[in-house]
């Protein structure tokens, strides 16, 4: 597991991220609030090919947080899987056409 706390680390992470499918798991500051009324605490990113886990902190009290604007760069991923695609809709990831919803697989299979 690697915690990405600087822009230079993020740029290095992004080069790896853009070359493989990934699983994105957003973690919000308050699990009881709706994502529209909540703040993103961190984003877990698992590279399927590299089998590496990255933690991107945005509002975490025990980390050096990344600027929120870097989330837009995550739309460059090849194929993105997430537990609930609707939740990612509240993040500024512009192109969500290549994001797959794991919950939707329950209805297909």
PDB file of N, CA and C in Angstrom:
ATOM      1  N   UNK A   1       0.849  -1.180   0.000  1.00  0.00           N
ATOM      2  CA  UNK A   1       0.000   0.000   0.000  1.00  0.00           C
ATOM      3  C   UNK A   1       0.889   1.235   0.000  1.00  0.00           C
ATOM      4  N   UNK A   2       0.493   2.201  -0.815  1.00  0.00           N
ATOM      5  CA  UNK A   2       1.249   3.447  -0.895  1.00  0.00           C
ATOM      6  C   UNK A   2       0.287   4.619  -0.725  1.00  0.00           C
ATOM      7  N   UNK A   3       0.625   5.526   0.160  1.00  0.00           N
ATOM      8  CA  UNK A   3      -0.177   6.726   0.368  1.00  0.00           C
ATOM      9  C   UNK A   3       0.411   7.832  -0.491  1.00  0.00           C
ATOM     10  N   UNK A   4      -0.424   8.420  -1.336  1.00  0.00           N
ATOM     11  CA  UNK A   4      -0.005   9.471  -2.265  1.00  0.00           C
ATOM     12  C   UNK A   4      -0.343  10.819  -1.630  1.00  0.00           C
ATOM     13  N   UNK A   5       0.688  11.557  -1.175  1.00  0.00           N
ATOM     14  CA  UNK A   5       0.441  12.808  -0.463  1.00  0.00           C
ATOM     15  C   UNK A   5       1.017  14.039  -1.154  1.00  0.00           C
ATOM     16  N   UNK A   6       1.760  13.866  -2.229  1.00  0.00           N
ATOM     17  CA  UNK A   6       2.330  15.022  -2.925  1.00  0.00           C
ATOM     18  C   UNK A   6       1.941  14.970  -4.399  1.00  0.00           C
ATOM     19  N   UNK A   7       2.043  16.101  -5.057  1.00  0.00           N
ATOM     20  CA  UNK A   7       1.724  16.165  -6.486  1.00  0.00           C
ATOM     21  C   UNK A   7       2.711  15.335  -7.292  1.00  0.00           C
ATOM     22  N   UNK A   8       3.971  15.329  -6.910  1.00  0.00           N
ATOM     23  CA  UNK A   8       4.946  14.516  -7.655  1.00  0.00           C
ATOM     24  C   UNK A   8       4.637  13.026  -7.499  1.00  0.00           C
ATOM     25  N   UNK A   9       4.251  12.599  -6.298  1.00  0.00           N
ATOM     26  CA  UNK A   9       3.825  11.209  -6.108  1.00  0.00           C
ATOM     27  C   UNK A   9       2.567  10.910  -6.923  1.00  0.00           C
ATOM     28  N   UNK A  10       1.661  11.881  -6.973  1.00  0.00           N
ATOM     29  CA  UNK A  10       0.425  11.695  -7.741  1.00  0.00           C
ATOM     30  C   UNK A  10       0.730  11.537  -9.227  1.00  0.00           C
ATOM     31  N   UNK A  11       1.640  12.339  -9.749  1.00  0.00           N
ATOM     32  CA  UNK A  11       1.996  12.232 -11.169  1.00  0.00           C
ATOM     33  C   UNK A  11       2.629  10.878 -11.485  1.00  0.00           C
ATOM     34  N   UNK A  12       3.452  10.365 -10.585  1.00  0.00           N
ATOM     35  CA  UNK A  12       4.027   9.029 -10.755  1.00  0.00           C
ATOM     36  C   UNK A  12       2.932   7.967 -10.705  1.00  0.00           C
ATOM     37  N   UNK A  13       2.020   8.106  -9.753  1.00  0.00           N
ATOM     38  CA  UNK A  13       0.881   7.196  -9.643  1.00  0.00           C
ATOM     39  C   UNK A  13       0.039   7.226 -10.913  1.00  0.00           C
ATOM     40  N   UNK A  14      -0.185   8.417 -11.463  1.00  0.00           N
ATOM     41  CA  UNK A  14      -1.044   8.578 -12.633  1.00  0.00           C
ATOM     42  C   UNK A  14      -0.492   7.837 -13.847  1.00  0.00           C
ATOM     43  N   UNK A  15       0.812   7.811 -14.012  1.00  0.00           N
ATOM     44  CA  UNK A  15       1.419   7.072 -15.129  1.00  0.00           C
ATOM     45  C   UNK A  15       1.093   5.589 -15.035  1.00  0.00           C
ATOM     46  N   UNK A  16       1.138   5.039 -13.838  1.00  0.00           N
ATOM     47  CA  UNK A  16       0.791   3.631 -13.625  1.00  0.00           C
ATOM     48  C   UNK A  16      -0.712   3.423 -13.782  1.00  0.00           C
ATOM     49  N   UNK A  17      -1.502   4.337 -13.256  1.00  0.00           N
ATOM     50  CA  UNK A  17      -2.965   4.262 -13.270  1.00  0.00           C
ATOM     51  C   UNK A  17      -3.523   4.255 -14.691  1.00  0.00           C
ATOM     52  N   UNK A  18      -2.947   5.058 -15.567  1.00  0.00           N
ATOM     53  CA  UNK A  18      -3.454   5.193 -16.938  1.00  0.00           C
ATOM     54  C   UNK A  18      -3.220   3.952 -17.793  1.00  0.00           C
ATOM     55  N   UNK A  19      -2.390   3.020 -17.342  1.00  0.00           N
ATOM     56  CA  UNK A  19      -2.028   1.863 -18.165  1.00  0.00           C
ATOM     57  C   UNK A  19      -2.756   0.582 -17.785  1.00  0.00           C
ATOM     58  N   UNK A  20      -3.679   0.653 -16.832  1.00  0.00           N
ATOM     59  CA  UNK A  20      -4.332  -0.577 -16.391  1.00  0.00           C
ATOM     60  C   UNK A  20      -5.743  -0.313 -15.878  1.00  0.00           C
ATOM     61  N   UNK A  21      -6.506  -1.376 -15.763  1.00  0.00           N
ATOM     62  CA  UNK A  21      -7.828  -1.297 -15.148  1.00  0.00           C
ATOM     63  C   UNK A  21      -7.653  -1.134 -13.642  1.00  0.00           C
ATOM     64  N   UNK A  22      -8.598  -0.421 -13.030  1.00  0.00           N
ATOM     65  CA  UNK A  22      -8.482  -0.124 -11.603  1.00  0.00           C
ATOM     66  C   UNK A  22      -9.826  -0.258 -10.905  1.00  0.00           C
ATOM     67  N   UNK A  23      -9.752  -0.423  -9.610  1.00  0.00           N
ATOM     68  CA  UNK A  23     -10.933  -0.401  -8.755  1.00  0.00           C
ATOM     69  C   UNK A  23     -10.837   0.855  -7.897  1.00  0.00           C
ATOM     70  N   UNK A  24     -11.869   1.705  -7.960  1.00  0.00           N
ATOM     71  CA  UNK A  24     -11.913   2.941  -7.169  1.00  0.00           C
ATOM     72  C   UNK A  24     -12.937   2.784  -6.054  1.00  0.00           C
ATOM     73  N   UNK A  25     -12.519   3.058  -4.826  1.00  0.00           N
ATOM     74  CA  UNK A  25     -13.423   2.983  -3.684  1.00  0.00           C
ATOM     75  C   UNK A  25     -13.352   4.304  -2.921  1.00  0.00           C
ATOM     76  N   UNK A  26     -14.394   5.137  -3.035  1.00  0.00           N
ATOM     77  CA  UNK A  26     -14.400   6.393  -2.284  1.00  0.00           C
ATOM     78  C   UNK A  26     -14.797   6.152  -0.828  1.00  0.00           C
ATOM     79  N   UNK A  27     -14.129   6.856   0.079  1.00  0.00           N
ATOM     80  CA  UNK A  27     -14.458   6.814   1.505  1.00  0.00           C
ATOM     81  C   UNK A  27     -14.762   8.249   1.922  1.00  0.00           C
ATOM     82  N   UNK A  28     -15.959   8.468   2.428  1.00  0.00           N
ATOM     83  CA  UNK A  28     -16.377   9.812   2.803  1.00  0.00           C
ATOM     84  C   UNK A  28     -16.131  10.074   4.284  1.00  0.00           C
ATOM     85  N   UNK A  29     -16.119  11.349   4.652  1.00  0.00           N
ATOM     86  CA  UNK A  29     -15.809  11.744   6.030  1.00  0.00           C
ATOM     87  C   UNK A  29     -16.865  11.265   7.024  1.00  0.00           C
ATOM     88  N   UNK A  30     -18.118  11.274   6.629  1.00  0.00           N
ATOM     89  CA  UNK A  30     -19.200  10.850   7.518  1.00  0.00           C
ATOM     90  C   UNK A  30     -20.028   9.793   6.799  1.00  0.00           C
ATOM     91  N   UNK A  31     -19.958   8.566   7.263  1.00  0.00           N
ATOM     92  CA  UNK A  31     -20.646   7.463   6.584  1.00  0.00           C
ATOM     93  C   UNK A  31     -22.162   7.555   6.683  1.00  0.00           C
ATOM     94  N   UNK A  32     -22.669   8.430   7.544  1.00  0.00           N
ATOM     95  CA  UNK A  32     -24.118   8.556   7.702  1.00  0.00           C
ATOM     96  C   UNK A  32     -24.731   9.582   6.758  1.00  0.00           C
ATOM     97  N   UNK A  33     -23.910  10.433   6.157  1.00  0.00           N
ATOM     98  CA  UNK A  33     -24.423  11.476   5.272  1.00  0.00           C
ATOM     99  C   UNK A  33     -24.476  11.005   3.825  1.00  0.00           C
ATOM    100  N   UNK A  34     -25.383  11.592   3.080  1.00  0.00           N
ATOM    101  CA  UNK A  34     -25.476  11.350   1.638  1.00  0.00           C
ATOM    102  C   UNK A  34     -24.228  11.940   0.970  1.00  0.00           C
ATOM    103  N   UNK A  35     -23.712  11.310  -0.100  1.00  0.00           N
ATOM    104  CA  UNK A  35     -22.507  11.829  -0.767  1.00  0.00           C
ATOM    105  C   UNK A  35     -22.620  13.283  -1.235  1.00  0.00           C
ATOM    106  N   UNK A  36     -23.821  13.744  -1.551  1.00  0.00           N
ATOM    107  CA  UNK A  36     -23.989  15.134  -1.988  1.00  0.00           C
ATOM    108  C   UNK A  36     -23.742  16.120  -0.849  1.00  0.00           C
ATOM    109  N   UNK A  37     -23.925  15.673   0.384  1.00  0.00           N
ATOM    110  CA  UNK A  37     -23.745  16.536   1.547  1.00  0.00           C
ATOM    111  C   UNK A  37     -22.463  16.210   2.305  1.00  0.00           C
ATOM    112  N   UNK A  38     -21.622  15.404   1.728  1.00  0.00           N
ATOM    113  CA  UNK A  38     -20.455  14.885   2.411  1.00  0.00           C
ATOM    114  C   UNK A  38     -19.172  15.369   1.747  1.00  0.00           C
ATOM    115  N   UNK A  39     -18.057  15.131   2.417  1.00  0.00           N
ATOM    116  CA  UNK A  39     -16.743  15.435   1.849  1.00  0.00           C
ATOM    117  C   UNK A  39     -15.984  14.130   1.664  1.00  0.00           C
ATOM    118  N   UNK A  40     -15.232  14.055   0.599  1.00  0.00           N
ATOM    119  CA  UNK A  40     -14.430  12.877   0.323  1.00  0.00           C
ATOM    120  C   UNK A  40     -13.237  12.855   1.270  1.00  0.00           C
ATOM    121  N   UNK A  41     -13.118  11.817   2.063  1.00  0.00           N
ATOM    122  CA  UNK A  41     -11.992  11.675   2.985  1.00  0.00           C
ATOM    123  C   UNK A  41     -10.779  11.145   2.231  1.00  0.00           C
ATOM    124  N   UNK A  42     -10.973  10.048   1.524  1.00  0.00           N
ATOM    125  CA  UNK A  42      -9.886   9.466   0.736  1.00  0.00           C
ATOM    126  C   UNK A  42     -10.466   8.613  -0.372  1.00  0.00           C
ATOM    127  N   UNK A  43      -9.609   8.287  -1.293  1.00  0.00           N
ATOM    128  CA  UNK A  43      -9.992   7.436  -2.414  1.00  0.00           C
ATOM    129  C   UNK A  43      -9.003   6.285  -2.462  1.00  0.00           C
ATOM    130  N   UNK A  44      -9.522   5.080  -2.363  1.00  0.00           N
ATOM    131  CA  UNK A  44      -8.686   3.899  -2.504  1.00  0.00           C
ATOM    132  C   UNK A  44      -8.649   3.488  -3.967  1.00  0.00           C
ATOM    133  N   UNK A  45      -7.470   3.246  -4.490  1.00  0.00           N
ATOM    134  CA  UNK A  45      -7.310   2.856  -5.896  1.00  0.00           C
ATOM    135  C   UNK A  45      -6.471   1.586  -5.934  1.00  0.00           C
ATOM    136  N   UNK A  46      -7.054   0.532  -6.502  1.00  0.00           N
ATOM    137  CA  UNK A  46      -6.343  -0.740  -6.625  1.00  0.00           C
ATOM    138  C   UNK A  46      -6.086  -1.010  -8.097  1.00  0.00           C
ATOM    139  N   UNK A  47      -4.819  -1.134  -8.464  1.00  0.00           N
ATOM    140  CA  UNK A  47      -4.445  -1.468  -9.836  1.00  0.00           C
ATOM    141  C   UNK A  47      -4.565  -2.968 -10.047  1.00  0.00           C
ATOM    142  N   UNK A  48      -5.427  -3.383 -10.961  1.00  0.00           N
ATOM    143  CA  UNK A  48      -5.698  -4.807 -11.144  1.00  0.00           C
ATOM    144  C   UNK A  48      -4.477  -5.540 -11.693  1.00  0.00           C
ATOM    145  N   UNK A  49      -3.786  -4.956 -12.662  1.00  0.00           N
ATOM    146  CA  UNK A  49      -2.618  -5.620 -13.244  1.00  0.00           C
ATOM    147  C   UNK A  49      -1.423  -5.602 -12.286  1.00  0.00           C
ATOM    148  N   UNK A  50      -1.159  -4.457 -11.687  1.00  0.00           N
ATOM    149  CA  UNK A  50       0.011  -4.329 -10.806  1.00  0.00           C
ATOM    150  C   UNK A  50      -0.229  -4.886  -9.404  1.00  0.00           C
ATOM    151  N   UNK A  51      -1.506  -5.063  -9.051  1.00  0.00           N
ATOM    152  CA  UNK A  51      -1.888  -5.540  -7.712  1.00  0.00           C
ATOM    153  C   UNK A  51      -1.356  -4.625  -6.613  1.00  0.00           C
ATOM    154  N   UNK A  52      -1.369  -3.324  -6.901  1.00  0.00           N
ATOM    155  CA  UNK A  52      -0.926  -2.324  -5.928  1.00  0.00           C
ATOM    156  C   UNK A  52      -2.132  -1.532  -5.435  1.00  0.00           C
ATOM    157  N   UNK A  53      -2.110  -1.206  -4.155  1.00  0.00           N
ATOM    158  CA  UNK A  53      -3.147  -0.385  -3.557  1.00  0.00           C
ATOM    159  C   UNK A  53      -2.575   0.994  -3.269  1.00  0.00           C
ATOM    160  N   UNK A  54      -3.294   2.014  -3.727  1.00  0.00           N
ATOM    161  CA  UNK A  54      -2.907   3.403  -3.490  1.00  0.00           C
ATOM    162  C   UNK A  54      -4.011   4.083  -2.691  1.00  0.00           C
ATOM    163  N   UNK A  55      -3.614   4.908  -1.754  1.00  0.00           N
ATOM    164  CA  UNK A  55      -4.547   5.710  -0.972  1.00  0.00           C
ATOM    165  C   UNK A  55      -4.303   7.166  -1.325  1.00  0.00           C
ATOM    166  N   UNK A  56      -5.357   7.849  -1.786  1.00  0.00           N
ATOM    167  CA  UNK A  56      -5.274   9.269  -2.122  1.00  0.00           C
ATOM    168  C   UNK A  56      -6.093  10.043  -1.093  1.00  0.00           C
ATOM    169  N   UNK A  57      -5.445  10.694  -0.113  1.00  0.00           N
ATOM    170  CA  UNK A  57      -6.185  11.440   0.906  1.00  0.00           C
ATOM    171  C   UNK A  57      -6.582  12.832   0.401  1.00  0.00           C
ATOM    172  N   UNK A  58      -7.815  13.228   0.718  1.00  0.00           N
ATOM    173  CA  UNK A  58      -8.292  14.554   0.325  1.00  0.00           C
ATOM    174  C   UNK A  58      -8.750  15.379   1.528  1.00  0.00           C
ATOM    175  N   UNK A  59      -9.367  14.760   2.503  1.00  0.00           N
ATOM    176  CA  UNK A  59      -9.796  15.450   3.724  1.00  0.00           C
ATOM    177  C   UNK A  59      -9.543  14.560   4.933  1.00  0.00           C
ATOM    178  N   UNK A  60      -8.377  13.980   5.003  1.00  0.00           N
ATOM    179  CA  UNK A  60      -8.061  13.072   6.102  1.00  0.00           C
ATOM    180  C   UNK A  60      -7.264  13.820   7.171  1.00  0.00           C
ATOM    181  N   UNK A  61      -7.662  13.701   8.445  1.00  0.00           N
ATOM    182  CA  UNK A  61      -6.985  14.465   9.499  1.00  0.00           C
ATOM    183  C   UNK A  61      -5.554  14.008   9.797  1.00  0.00           C
ATOM    184  N   UNK A  62      -5.175  12.805   9.362  1.00  0.00           N
ATOM    185  CA  UNK A  62      -3.842  12.295   9.682  1.00  0.00           C
ATOM    186  C   UNK A  62      -2.945  12.182   8.457  1.00  0.00           C
ATOM    187  N   UNK A  63      -3.238  12.949   7.424  1.00  0.00           N
ATOM    188  CA  UNK A  63      -2.440  12.862   6.197  1.00  0.00           C
ATOM    189  C   UNK A  63      -2.217  14.249   5.618  1.00  0.00           C
ATOM    190  N   UNK A  64      -1.212  14.338   4.764  1.00  0.00           N
ATOM    191  CA  UNK A  64      -1.035  15.540   3.955  1.00  0.00           C
ATOM    192  C   UNK A  64      -1.953  15.356   2.756  1.00  0.00           C
ATOM    193  N   UNK A  65      -2.971  16.186   2.669  1.00  0.00           N
ATOM    194  CA  UNK A  65      -4.029  15.975   1.691  1.00  0.00           C
ATOM    195  C   UNK A  65      -3.680  16.529   0.317  1.00  0.00           C
ATOM    196  N   UNK A  66      -4.151  15.824  -0.693  1.00  0.00           N
ATOM    197  CA  UNK A  66      -4.004  16.277  -2.077  1.00  0.00           C
ATOM    198  C   UNK A  66      -5.040  17.350  -2.366  1.00  0.00           C
ATOM    199  N   UNK A  67      -4.766  18.250  -3.310  1.00  0.00           N
ATOM    200  CA  UNK A  67      -5.800  19.202  -3.715  1.00  0.00           C
ATOM    201  C   UNK A  67      -6.934  18.460  -4.426  1.00  0.00           C
ATOM    202  N   UNK A  68      -8.146  18.873  -4.158  1.00  0.00           N
ATOM    203  CA  UNK A  68      -9.337  18.195  -4.680  1.00  0.00           C
ATOM    204  C   UNK A  68      -9.383  18.172  -6.206  1.00  0.00           C
ATOM    205  N   UNK A  69      -8.764  19.148  -6.848  1.00  0.00           N
ATOM    206  CA  UNK A  69      -8.826  19.264  -8.308  1.00  0.00           C
ATOM    207  C   UNK A  69      -8.140  18.104  -9.036  1.00  0.00           C
ATOM    208  N   UNK A  70      -7.257  17.354  -8.370  1.00  0.00           N
ATOM    209  CA  UNK A  70      -6.563  16.255  -9.055  1.00  0.00           C
ATOM    210  C   UNK A  70      -7.501  15.093  -9.379  1.00  0.00           C
ATOM    211  N   UNK A  71      -8.680  15.070  -8.775  1.00  0.00           N
ATOM    212  CA  UNK A  71      -9.644  13.999  -9.063  1.00  0.00           C
ATOM    213  C   UNK A  71     -10.014  13.991 -10.542  1.00  0.00           C
ATOM    214  N   UNK A  72     -10.022  15.156 -11.179  1.00  0.00           N
ATOM    215  CA  UNK A  72     -10.356  15.230 -12.612  1.00  0.00           C
ATOM    216  C   UNK A  72      -9.414  14.381 -13.454  1.00  0.00           C
ATOM    217  N   UNK A  73      -8.180  14.221 -13.004  1.00  0.00           N
ATOM    218  CA  UNK A  73      -7.196  13.429 -13.742  1.00  0.00           C
ATOM    219  C   UNK A  73      -7.543  11.939 -13.755  1.00  0.00           C
ATOM    220  N   UNK A  74      -8.387  11.509 -12.833  1.00  0.00           N
ATOM    221  CA  UNK A  74      -8.713  10.089 -12.738  1.00  0.00           C
ATOM    222  C   UNK A  74      -9.630   9.611 -13.857  1.00  0.00           C
ATOM    223  N   UNK A  75     -10.153  10.523 -14.652  1.00  0.00           N
ATOM    224  CA  UNK A  75     -10.982  10.107 -15.789  1.00  0.00           C
ATOM    225  C   UNK A  75     -10.132   9.528 -16.913  1.00  0.00           C
ATOM    226  N   UNK A  76      -8.804   9.561 -16.769  1.00  0.00           N
ATOM    227  CA  UNK A  76      -7.903   9.042 -17.799  1.00  0.00           C
ATOM    228  C   UNK A  76      -7.657   7.539 -17.671  1.00  0.00           C
ATOM    229  N   UNK A  77      -8.236   6.894 -16.680  1.00  0.00           N
ATOM    230  CA  UNK A  77      -8.014   5.466 -16.478  1.00  0.00           C
ATOM    231  C   UNK A  77      -8.599   4.636 -17.607  1.00  0.00           C
ATOM    232  N   UNK A  78      -8.031   3.462 -17.839  1.00  0.00           N
ATOM    233  CA  UNK A  78      -8.502   2.577 -18.905  1.00  0.00           C
ATOM    234  C   UNK A  78      -9.915   2.087 -18.635  1.00  0.00           C
ATOM    235  N   UNK A  79     -10.059   1.286 -17.634  1.00  0.00           N
ATOM    236  CA  UNK A  79     -11.353   0.752 -17.230  1.00  0.00           C
ATOM    237  C   UNK A  79     -11.408   0.859 -15.717  1.00  0.00           C
ATOM    238  N   UNK A  80     -12.485   1.419 -15.213  1.00  0.00           N
ATOM    239  CA  UNK A  80     -12.608   1.660 -13.781  1.00  0.00           C
ATOM    240  C   UNK A  80     -13.809   0.881 -13.256  1.00  0.00           C
ATOM    241  N   UNK A  81     -13.592   0.166 -12.176  1.00  0.00           N
ATOM    242  CA  UNK A  81     -14.657  -0.541 -11.479  1.00  0.00           C
ATOM    243  C   UNK A  81     -14.864   0.134 -10.130  1.00  0.00           C
ATOM    244  N   UNK A  82     -16.104   0.217  -9.689  1.00  0.00           N
ATOM    245  CA  UNK A  82     -16.402   0.830  -8.401  1.00  0.00           C
ATOM    246  C   UNK A  82     -17.602   0.127  -7.772  1.00  0.00           C
ATOM    247  N   UNK A  83     -17.665   0.072  -6.445  1.00  0.00           N
ATOM    248  CA  UNK A  83     -18.800  -0.598  -5.800  1.00  0.00           C
ATOM    249  C   UNK A  83     -20.150   0.041  -6.122  1.00  0.00           C
ATOM    250  N   UNK A  84     -20.188   1.354  -6.292  1.00  0.00           N
ATOM    251  CA  UNK A  84     -21.446   2.054  -6.550  1.00  0.00           C
ATOM    252  C   UNK A  84     -21.169   3.264  -7.442  1.00  0.00           C
ATOM    253  N   UNK A  85     -21.491   3.138  -8.719  1.00  0.00           N
ATOM    254  CA  UNK A  85     -21.183   4.194  -9.694  1.00  0.00           C
ATOM    255  C   UNK A  85     -21.894   5.509  -9.367  1.00  0.00           C
ATOM    256  N   UNK A  86     -23.075   5.420  -8.764  1.00  0.00           N
ATOM    257  CA  UNK A  86     -23.807   6.641  -8.430  1.00  0.00           C
ATOM    258  C   UNK A  86     -23.014   7.525  -7.477  1.00  0.00           C
ATOM    259  N   UNK A  87     -22.261   6.909  -6.581  1.00  0.00           N
ATOM    260  CA  UNK A  87     -21.463   7.673  -5.618  1.00  0.00           C
ATOM    261  C   UNK A  87     -20.358   8.443  -6.337  1.00  0.00           C
ATOM    262  N   UNK A  88     -19.737   7.825  -7.343  1.00  0.00           N
ATOM    263  CA  UNK A  88     -18.691   8.534  -8.100  1.00  0.00           C
ATOM    264  C   UNK A  88     -19.265   9.713  -8.879  1.00  0.00           C
ATOM    265  N   UNK A  89     -20.560   9.709  -9.120  1.00  0.00           N
ATOM    266  CA  UNK A  89     -21.202  10.831  -9.803  1.00  0.00           C
ATOM    267  C   UNK A  89     -21.120  12.132  -9.020  1.00  0.00           C
ATOM    268  N   UNK A  90     -20.851  12.049  -7.738  1.00  0.00           N
ATOM    269  CA  UNK A  90     -20.720  13.241  -6.901  1.00  0.00           C
ATOM    270  C   UNK A  90     -19.289  13.763  -6.863  1.00  0.00           C
ATOM    271  N   UNK A  91     -18.388  13.090  -7.559  1.00  0.00           N
ATOM    272  CA  UNK A  91     -16.996  13.529  -7.653  1.00  0.00           C
ATOM    273  C   UNK A  91     -16.765  14.134  -9.031  1.00  0.00           C
ATOM    274  N   UNK A  92     -15.818  15.050  -9.150  1.00  0.00           N
ATOM    275  CA  UNK A  92     -15.601  15.713 -10.447  1.00  0.00           C
ATOM    276  C   UNK A  92     -14.794  14.869 -11.441  1.00  0.00           C
ATOM    277  N   UNK A  93     -15.190  13.624 -11.637  1.00  0.00           N
ATOM    278  CA  UNK A  93     -14.588  12.793 -12.677  1.00  0.00           C
ATOM    279  C   UNK A  93     -15.431  13.015 -13.924  1.00  0.00           C
ATOM    280  N   UNK A  94     -14.863  13.708 -14.905  1.00  0.00           N
ATOM    281  CA  UNK A  94     -15.652  14.195 -16.033  1.00  0.00           C
ATOM    282  C   UNK A  94     -16.174  13.088 -16.938  1.00  0.00           C
ATOM    283  N   UNK A  95     -15.303  12.238 -17.439  1.00  0.00           N
ATOM    284  CA  UNK A  95     -15.716  11.190 -18.368  1.00  0.00           C
ATOM    285  C   UNK A  95     -15.961   9.908 -17.584  1.00  0.00           C
ATOM    286  N   UNK A  96     -17.229   9.573 -17.366  1.00  0.00           N
ATOM    287  CA  UNK A  96     -17.551   8.377 -16.592  1.00  0.00           C
ATOM    288  C   UNK A  96     -18.065   7.243 -17.469  1.00  0.00           C
ATOM    289  N   UNK A  97     -17.873   7.355 -18.777  1.00  0.00           N
ATOM    290  CA  UNK A  97     -18.350   6.333 -19.700  1.00  0.00           C
ATOM    291  C   UNK A  97     -17.644   5.002 -19.560  1.00  0.00           C
ATOM    292  N   UNK A  98     -16.431   5.002 -19.063  1.00  0.00           N
ATOM    293  CA  UNK A  98     -15.657   3.765 -18.921  1.00  0.00           C
ATOM    294  C   UNK A  98     -15.639   3.250 -17.479  1.00  0.00           C
ATOM    295  N   UNK A  99     -16.573   3.741 -16.664  1.00  0.00           N
ATOM    296  CA  UNK A  99     -16.678   3.289 -15.281  1.00  0.00           C
ATOM    297  C   UNK A  99     -17.764   2.220 -15.197  1.00  0.00           C
ATOM    298  N   UNK A 100     -17.420   1.097 -14.611  1.00  0.00           N
ATOM    299  CA  UNK A 100     -18.348  -0.023 -14.466  1.00  0.00           C
ATOM    300  C   UNK A 100     -18.807  -0.126 -13.017  1.00  0.00           C
ATOM    301  N   UNK A 101     -20.084  -0.395 -12.837  1.00  0.00           N
ATOM    302  CA  UNK A 101     -20.694  -0.500 -11.519  1.00  0.00           C
ATOM    303  C   UNK A 101     -20.743  -1.967 -11.093  1.00  0.00           C
ATOM    304  N   UNK A 102     -20.071  -2.297 -10.003  1.00  0.00           N
ATOM    305  CA  UNK A 102     -20.046  -3.677  -9.519  1.00  0.00           C
ATOM    306  C   UNK A 102     -21.444  -4.117  -9.084  1.00  0.00           C
ATOM    307  N   UNK A 103     -22.230  -3.217  -8.497  1.00  0.00           N
ATOM    308  CA  UNK A 103     -23.586  -3.571  -8.075  1.00  0.00           C
ATOM    309  C   UNK A 103     -24.456  -3.964  -9.262  1.00  0.00           C
ATOM    310  N   UNK A 104     -24.212  -3.376 -10.418  1.00  0.00           N
ATOM    311  CA  UNK A 104     -25.011  -3.696 -11.604  1.00  0.00           C
ATOM    312  C   UNK A 104     -24.791  -5.135 -12.060  1.00  0.00           C
ATOM    313  N   UNK A 105     -23.654  -5.709 -11.725  1.00  0.00           N
ATOM    314  CA  UNK A 105     -23.386  -7.102 -12.105  1.00  0.00           C
ATOM    315  C   UNK A 105     -24.370  -8.066 -11.456  1.00  0.00           C
ATOM    316  N   UNK A 106     -24.916  -7.701 -10.295  1.00  0.00           N
ATOM    317  CA  UNK A 106     -25.914  -8.552  -9.648  1.00  0.00           C
ATOM    318  C   UNK A 106     -27.147  -8.736 -10.525  1.00  0.00           C
ATOM    319  N   UNK A 107     -27.470  -7.732 -11.327  1.00  0.00           N
ATOM    320  CA  UNK A 107     -28.650  -7.804 -12.171  1.00  0.00           C
ATOM    321  C   UNK A 107     -28.375  -8.500 -13.494  1.00  0.00           C
ATOM    322  N   UNK A 108     -27.140  -8.492 -13.919  1.00  0.00           N
ATOM    323  CA  UNK A 108     -26.765  -9.096 -15.197  1.00  0.00           C
ATOM    324  C   UNK A 108     -26.540 -10.594 -15.049  1.00  0.00           C
ATOM    325  N   UNK A 109     -25.892 -10.961 -13.969  1.00  0.00           N
ATOM    326  CA  UNK A 109     -25.499 -12.370 -13.776  1.00  0.00           C
ATOM    327  C   UNK A 109     -26.629 -13.193 -13.225  1.00  0.00           C
TER     328      UNK A 109
END
